[in-house]
């Protein structure tokens, strides 16, 4: 019976070191999952009847293939860094303040475009908070409260884009078109802060190598950039 060779290319994706914000340098590829594969091209060679298949690595021209030790095929978990943990912990409080802002909409404006935007943000931000909490719990890291209140006493200004107590009070006291304008301006500020946080994460050596956190940070930047564009258009229409 003829034997067939099935080539299985196990190419690791390479994520180059990121410096600066994502707008300054876009990663060329996503990290290769939560594992770090070894070696280059490999070939799975079926065994004879009753034998297990072998995994071999082709040699250079003129050289024979060599079987790979099973230990070399075992994937190693990608490490996460303190910067990854700090990003997730900080972004929980950051998202929580956005939820405080969306909660003000219903009683202060009848504009449907803002009402719908607030609902979409509420759904996405709550979902992302749950994702971040799970990421931290799965790694036995501290999970902060999912409210912005504990961050509003001396720490708010340390978080990029976070509204101060005075700004939140101004927003709470506004209504009608004034609330509409303020809410959009402050949420743009808030979103820009989240994008800065992503840039700081990617500028940290060794950070965002895990697939989960890379994809999350990438989604935060992409989604909030799109929402900023939409909010700027809403402001332009108001004027």
Protein backbone atom coordinates (compact mmCIF):
# COMPACT_ATOMS: atom_id res chain seq x y z
CA UNK A 1 0.00 0.00 0.00
CA UNK A 2 1.47 3.39 -0.91
CA UNK A 3 2.32 5.77 1.90
CA UNK A 4 1.29 9.37 1.70
CA UNK A 5 2.99 12.30 3.34
CA UNK A 6 0.76 15.02 4.68
CA UNK A 7 2.49 18.30 5.13
CA UNK A 8 1.28 20.28 8.10
CA UNK A 9 2.85 23.67 8.38
CA UNK A 10 2.98 24.89 11.95
CA UNK A 11 4.12 28.44 11.48
CA UNK A 12 4.19 30.62 14.59
CA UNK A 13 2.83 34.08 14.19
CA UNK A 14 5.24 36.82 15.18
CA UNK A 15 4.11 39.90 16.97
CA UNK A 16 6.72 42.60 16.69
CA UNK A 17 7.36 44.83 19.66
CA UNK A 18 4.96 47.73 19.76
CA UNK A 19 5.97 51.23 20.73
CA UNK A 20 3.80 54.27 21.03
CA UNK A 21 0.07 54.22 20.34
CA UNK A 22 -1.65 51.93 17.91
CA UNK A 23 -2.24 54.83 15.55
CA UNK A 24 1.52 55.31 15.34
CA UNK A 25 2.39 51.65 14.77
CA UNK A 26 -0.14 48.97 13.82
CA UNK A 27 0.84 45.38 14.66
CA UNK A 28 1.31 43.28 11.57
CA UNK A 29 -0.16 40.15 13.11
CA UNK A 30 -1.90 38.77 16.12
CA UNK A 31 0.06 36.89 18.80
CA UNK A 32 0.03 33.16 18.22
CA UNK A 33 -2.64 32.27 20.73
CA UNK A 34 -1.80 31.51 24.33
CA UNK A 35 0.98 29.18 23.22
CA UNK A 36 4.43 29.59 21.73
CA UNK A 37 5.13 26.92 19.10
CA UNK A 38 8.67 25.78 18.37
CA UNK A 39 10.54 25.20 15.16
CA UNK A 40 9.60 25.58 11.53
CA UNK A 41 7.79 23.41 8.98
CA UNK A 42 6.92 19.90 10.12
CA UNK A 43 5.57 16.85 8.38
CA UNK A 44 3.14 14.32 9.82
CA UNK A 45 4.11 10.95 8.37
CA UNK A 46 1.51 8.15 8.77
CA UNK A 47 2.90 4.94 10.21
CA UNK A 48 2.49 1.43 8.89
CA UNK A 49 -0.63 -0.51 9.94
CA UNK A 50 -0.61 -0.75 13.72
CA UNK A 51 1.99 2.01 14.11
CA UNK A 52 1.46 5.58 15.26
CA UNK A 53 2.22 8.46 12.88
CA UNK A 54 5.54 10.26 13.26
CA UNK A 55 6.22 13.97 13.17
CA UNK A 56 9.43 14.81 11.36
CA UNK A 57 11.22 18.02 10.46
CA UNK A 58 12.62 18.07 6.90
CA UNK A 59 16.37 18.62 6.70
CA UNK A 60 18.26 21.04 4.49
CA UNK A 61 18.87 20.05 0.84
CA UNK A 62 20.89 16.84 0.82
CA UNK A 63 20.08 16.06 4.45
CA UNK A 64 17.57 13.58 5.77
CA UNK A 65 14.52 14.38 7.85
CA UNK A 66 14.75 13.94 11.59
CA UNK A 67 12.00 12.78 13.94
CA UNK A 68 10.97 15.36 16.51
CA UNK A 69 10.96 14.58 20.18
CA UNK A 70 7.45 14.73 21.61
CA UNK A 71 8.58 17.23 24.23
CA UNK A 72 9.49 19.68 21.45
CA UNK A 73 5.90 19.60 20.21
CA UNK A 74 4.41 20.56 23.55
CA UNK A 75 3.19 24.16 23.47
CA UNK A 76 4.24 26.50 26.23
CA UNK A 77 1.77 28.98 27.73
CA UNK A 78 2.46 32.57 26.76
CA UNK A 79 3.23 34.60 29.88
CA UNK A 80 1.27 37.68 30.85
CA UNK A 81 2.82 40.73 32.45
CA UNK A 82 2.12 43.16 35.27
CA UNK A 83 1.20 45.69 32.59
CA UNK A 84 -1.48 43.31 31.28
CA UNK A 85 -2.96 42.94 34.76
CA UNK A 86 -2.86 46.69 35.45
CA UNK A 87 -4.55 47.39 32.11
CA UNK A 88 -7.42 45.00 32.81
CA UNK A 89 -7.86 46.23 36.38
CA UNK A 90 -7.81 49.88 35.34
CA UNK A 91 -10.10 49.41 32.36
CA UNK A 92 -12.79 47.90 34.61
CA UNK A 93 -13.09 51.18 36.51
CA UNK A 94 -12.81 53.13 33.27
CA UNK A 95 -15.71 51.20 31.74
CA UNK A 96 -17.69 51.57 34.96
CA UNK A 97 -17.63 55.36 34.67
CA UNK A 98 -18.94 55.08 31.11
CA UNK A 99 -21.87 53.11 32.54
CA UNK A 100 -22.46 55.90 35.08
CA UNK A 101 -22.64 58.31 32.15
CA UNK A 102 -25.04 56.19 30.10
CA UNK A 103 -27.30 55.85 33.15
CA UNK A 104 -27.90 59.63 33.08
CA UNK A 105 -29.33 59.70 29.56
CA UNK A 106 -32.90 58.51 30.09
CA UNK A 107 -33.92 61.33 32.45
CA UNK A 108 -32.13 64.17 30.68
CA UNK A 109 -32.82 63.97 26.95
CA UNK A 110 -35.43 62.72 24.51
CA UNK A 111 -33.05 62.58 21.56
CA UNK A 112 -33.31 59.08 20.16
CA UNK A 113 -29.84 58.99 18.63
CA UNK A 114 -28.24 59.53 22.04
CA UNK A 115 -30.64 57.13 23.75
CA UNK A 116 -29.78 54.37 21.27
CA UNK A 117 -26.05 55.08 21.51
CA UNK A 118 -26.25 54.88 25.29
CA UNK A 119 -28.03 51.53 25.16
CA UNK A 120 -25.43 50.06 22.82
CA UNK A 121 -22.60 51.32 25.00
CA UNK A 122 -24.24 49.93 28.12
CA UNK A 123 -24.50 46.46 26.59
CA UNK A 124 -20.94 46.42 25.26
CA UNK A 125 -19.31 47.93 28.35
CA UNK A 126 -21.06 45.52 30.73
CA UNK A 127 -20.03 42.58 28.58
CA UNK A 128 -16.43 43.78 28.47
CA UNK A 129 -16.33 44.28 32.24
CA UNK A 130 -17.42 40.66 32.69
CA UNK A 131 -14.72 39.56 30.25
CA UNK A 132 -12.03 41.50 32.13
CA UNK A 133 -13.17 40.19 35.50
CA UNK A 134 -13.05 36.62 34.21
CA UNK A 135 -9.57 37.16 32.73
CA UNK A 136 -8.32 38.33 36.12
CA UNK A 137 -10.08 35.59 38.10
CA UNK A 138 -8.74 32.88 35.81
CA UNK A 139 -5.22 34.06 36.65
CA UNK A 140 -5.85 34.51 40.38
CA UNK A 141 -5.33 38.26 40.11
CA UNK A 142 -7.19 40.87 42.13
CA UNK A 143 -10.56 41.78 40.62
CA UNK A 144 -11.54 45.40 41.39
CA UNK A 145 -15.08 46.55 42.01
CA UNK A 146 -17.09 47.07 38.86
CA UNK A 147 -18.07 50.61 39.83
CA UNK A 148 -16.37 53.91 39.24
CA UNK A 149 -17.25 55.25 42.71
CA UNK A 150 -14.14 53.85 44.41
CA UNK A 151 -11.97 55.54 41.78
CA UNK A 152 -13.50 58.98 42.13
CA UNK A 153 -11.62 59.99 45.26
CA UNK A 154 -8.15 61.09 44.30
CA UNK A 155 -7.51 58.57 41.53
CA UNK A 156 -9.79 59.65 38.67
CA UNK A 157 -7.38 62.10 37.10
CA UNK A 158 -4.67 59.41 37.04
CA UNK A 159 -6.74 57.42 34.56
CA UNK A 160 -6.61 58.84 31.02
CA UNK A 161 -9.92 60.33 29.96
CA UNK A 162 -11.71 59.81 33.27
CA UNK A 163 -14.13 62.59 34.19
CA UNK A 164 -13.46 64.49 37.39
CA UNK A 165 -16.05 64.81 40.13
CA UNK A 166 -16.77 68.35 38.93
CA UNK A 167 -17.35 67.18 35.36
CA UNK A 168 -19.68 64.40 36.50
CA UNK A 169 -21.62 66.91 38.62
CA UNK A 170 -21.89 69.27 35.64
CA UNK A 171 -23.24 66.43 33.52
CA UNK A 172 -25.73 65.36 36.18
CA UNK A 173 -27.08 68.93 36.48
CA UNK A 174 -27.52 69.45 32.73
CA UNK A 175 -30.58 68.64 30.61
CA UNK A 176 -31.88 68.99 27.06
CA UNK A 177 -29.46 70.17 24.40
CA UNK A 178 -26.90 71.20 27.01
CA UNK A 179 -26.81 67.67 28.38
CA UNK A 180 -26.65 66.26 24.84
CA UNK A 181 -23.63 68.42 24.02
CA UNK A 182 -21.82 67.84 27.31
CA UNK A 183 -22.41 64.09 27.25
CA UNK A 184 -20.93 63.76 23.77
CA UNK A 185 -17.94 65.97 24.58
CA UNK A 186 -17.19 64.13 27.80
CA UNK A 187 -17.68 60.68 26.30
CA UNK A 188 -15.29 61.59 23.48
CA UNK A 189 -12.77 62.58 26.18
CA UNK A 190 -13.47 59.30 27.97
CA UNK A 191 -13.02 57.20 24.83
CA UNK A 192 -9.80 58.99 23.92
CA UNK A 193 -8.50 58.05 27.36
CA UNK A 194 -9.26 54.38 26.75
CA UNK A 195 -7.34 54.53 23.46
CA UNK A 196 -4.38 56.08 25.31
CA UNK A 197 -4.51 53.19 27.79
CA UNK A 198 -4.31 50.71 24.91
CA UNK A 199 -1.31 52.57 23.51
CA UNK A 200 0.42 52.50 26.89
CA UNK A 201 -0.21 48.77 27.16
CA UNK A 202 1.27 48.06 23.74
CA UNK A 203 4.28 50.24 24.55
CA UNK A 204 5.05 48.11 27.61
CA UNK A 205 7.74 45.51 26.95
CA UNK A 206 6.32 42.00 26.69
CA UNK A 207 2.72 43.10 27.21
CA UNK A 208 -0.34 42.06 25.17
CA UNK A 209 1.27 38.81 23.99
CA UNK A 210 -1.66 36.66 25.09
CA UNK A 211 -4.33 36.28 22.44
CA UNK A 212 -7.16 37.14 24.85
CA UNK A 213 -5.74 40.45 25.98
CA UNK A 214 -4.41 41.37 22.53
CA UNK A 215 -7.81 40.85 20.94
CA UNK A 216 -9.54 42.75 23.73
CA UNK A 217 -7.20 45.74 23.53
CA UNK A 218 -7.50 45.75 19.75
CA UNK A 219 -11.30 45.70 19.99
CA UNK A 220 -11.35 48.54 22.53
CA UNK A 221 -9.29 50.77 20.27
CA UNK A 222 -11.25 49.93 17.12
CA UNK A 223 -14.71 50.22 18.67
CA UNK A 224 -14.04 53.41 20.58
CA UNK A 225 -12.37 55.07 17.60
CA UNK A 226 -15.51 54.39 15.55
CA UNK A 227 -17.74 55.72 18.33
CA UNK A 228 -15.67 58.89 18.60
CA UNK A 229 -16.23 59.52 14.90
CA UNK A 230 -19.96 58.97 15.33
CA UNK A 231 -20.15 61.30 18.36
CA UNK A 232 -18.26 64.04 16.55
CA UNK A 233 -20.78 63.83 13.73
CA UNK A 234 -23.64 64.07 16.24
CA UNK A 235 -22.04 67.20 17.72
CA UNK A 236 -21.63 68.71 14.27
CA UNK A 237 -25.32 68.10 13.54
CA UNK A 238 -26.29 69.79 16.81
CA UNK A 239 -24.43 72.96 15.89
